[in-house]
Amino acid sequence: MLLDIATKLRSGTAWILNSQPVQRMFLAMTRIFISYAAAALLSLGLSVTVSQAQPACMAEYKAKRDNPLELFYDVAQVTGPCTSQNATAQLTAILAAQGLTLLKVLSVTEN
């Protein structure tokens, strides 16, 4: 048996891959590898597309809550056009849901 294996190795034939179970396992592993590689490339492509689609717009603002008076300063991400008017409209709705009143949008910057 050992002599037979040595002879096959010297002849350069891929005698291991001629076995049916090994061929099936090799094909299954190849399919798994290809599916993982395709998923990785797809997710990488989607993340690049999403990040290039629209730059992040950050709005710096002041807000308050009454009874007792509490003042807040924070930065939030705003979708849509990166303007003070758009930030004011979005932040007013978001902060109202939290029981806060928007006092002023200090700045709006694109990242």
Protein backbone atom coordinates (compact mmCIF):
# COMPACT_ATOMS: atom_id res chain seq x y z
CA MET A 1 0.00 0.00 0.00
CA LEU A 2 2.78 2.46 0.94
CA LEU A 3 4.62 1.63 -2.27
CA ASP A 4 1.42 2.21 -4.23
CA ILE A 5 0.95 5.68 -2.63
CA ALA A 6 4.59 6.62 -3.31
CA THR A 7 4.24 5.55 -6.93
CA LYS A 8 1.11 7.65 -7.38
CA LEU A 9 2.73 10.67 -5.75
CA ARG A 10 5.75 10.42 -8.05
CA SER A 11 3.54 10.09 -11.11
CA GLY A 12 1.90 13.45 -10.31
CA THR A 13 -1.69 12.23 -10.42
CA ALA A 14 -4.18 13.65 -7.97
CA TRP A 15 -5.17 10.24 -6.66
CA ILE A 16 -6.75 11.65 -3.48
CA LEU A 17 -9.26 13.71 -5.47
CA ASN A 18 -10.29 10.61 -7.43
CA SER A 19 -12.09 9.36 -4.32
CA GLN A 20 -15.87 10.11 -4.49
CA PRO A 21 -16.27 11.15 -0.80
CA VAL A 22 -13.28 13.47 -1.06
CA GLN A 23 -14.61 14.99 -4.28
CA ARG A 24 -18.02 15.63 -2.69
CA MET A 25 -16.42 17.20 0.37
CA PHE A 26 -14.15 19.36 -1.80
CA LEU A 27 -17.13 20.58 -3.86
CA ALA A 28 -19.16 21.32 -0.73
CA MET A 29 -16.28 23.28 0.81
CA THR A 30 -15.79 25.17 -2.45
CA ARG A 31 -19.48 26.13 -2.55
CA ILE A 32 -19.37 27.29 1.07
CA PHE A 33 -16.25 29.36 0.41
CA ILE A 34 -17.78 30.94 -2.70
CA SER A 35 -21.01 31.79 -0.86
CA TYR A 36 -19.09 33.40 2.03
CA ALA A 37 -16.90 35.34 -0.39
CA ALA A 38 -19.94 36.53 -2.34
CA ALA A 39 -21.69 37.61 0.88
CA ALA A 40 -18.59 39.50 2.03
CA LEU A 41 -18.22 41.29 -1.29
CA LEU A 42 -21.92 42.13 -1.39
CA SER A 43 -21.91 43.58 2.12
CA LEU A 44 -18.75 45.54 1.39
CA GLY A 45 -20.30 46.93 -1.80
CA LEU A 46 -23.51 47.90 0.00
CA SER A 47 -21.69 49.63 2.83
CA VAL A 48 -19.59 51.63 0.37
CA THR A 49 -22.71 52.55 -1.63
CA VAL A 50 -24.64 53.63 1.47
CA SER A 51 -21.76 55.65 2.87
CA GLN A 52 -21.21 57.41 -0.45
CA ALA A 53 -24.91 58.00 -1.05
CA GLN A 54 -25.27 60.84 1.44
CA PRO A 55 -22.79 62.36 3.85
CA ALA A 56 -23.83 62.56 7.49
CA CYS A 57 -25.26 65.87 8.61
CA MET A 58 -24.67 66.71 12.28
CA ALA A 59 -26.71 69.38 14.07
CA GLU A 60 -25.54 70.97 17.30
CA TYR A 61 -28.47 72.23 19.40
CA LYS A 62 -29.76 73.50 22.75
CA ALA A 63 -33.02 72.32 24.29
CA LYS A 64 -34.92 72.63 27.57
CA ARG A 65 -37.44 70.83 29.75
CA ASP A 66 -39.71 72.77 32.13
CA ASN A 67 -40.83 71.93 35.70
CA PRO A 68 -38.11 71.72 36.90
CA LEU A 69 -36.05 73.63 34.39
CA GLU A 70 -33.37 71.46 32.73
CA LEU A 71 -31.09 72.67 29.94
CA PHE A 72 -29.57 70.35 27.35
CA TYR A 73 -26.79 70.64 24.79
CA ASP A 74 -26.28 67.82 22.31
CA VAL A 75 -25.34 66.85 18.75
CA ALA A 76 -27.66 64.77 16.57
CA GLN A 77 -27.53 63.33 13.08
CA VAL A 78 -30.07 64.82 10.68
CA THR A 79 -31.27 63.24 7.43
CA GLY A 80 -32.02 65.10 4.23
CA PRO A 81 -30.55 68.47 3.28
CA CYS A 82 -27.89 69.72 5.65
CA THR A 83 -29.54 73.05 6.47
CA SER A 84 -30.48 74.77 9.69
CA GLN A 85 -34.17 74.83 8.66
CA ASN A 86 -34.23 71.06 8.04
CA ALA A 87 -32.41 70.39 11.33
CA THR A 88 -34.87 72.63 13.20
CA ALA A 89 -37.87 70.79 11.73
CA GLN A 90 -36.50 67.33 12.51
CA LEU A 91 -35.17 68.14 15.96
CA THR A 92 -38.39 69.86 17.04
CA ALA A 93 -40.36 66.67 16.37
CA ILE A 94 -37.75 64.34 17.91
CA LEU A 95 -37.28 66.43 21.04
CA ALA A 96 -41.04 66.98 21.52
CA ALA A 97 -41.47 63.20 21.72
CA GLN A 98 -38.97 63.26 24.62
CA GLY A 99 -40.75 66.12 26.39
CA LEU A 100 -38.13 68.70 25.37
CA THR A 101 -38.39 72.05 23.62
CA LEU A 102 -35.80 73.02 21.02
CA LEU A 103 -34.28 76.38 21.90
CA LYS A 104 -31.77 76.86 19.09
CA VAL A 105 -29.82 75.00 16.42
CA LEU A 106 -26.27 76.24 16.97
CA SER A 107 -24.59 74.77 13.89
CA VAL A 108 -25.04 72.27 11.10
CA THR A 109 -22.04 70.45 9.58
CA GLU A 110 -21.57 67.75 6.94
CA ASN A 111 -19.17 64.92 7.71
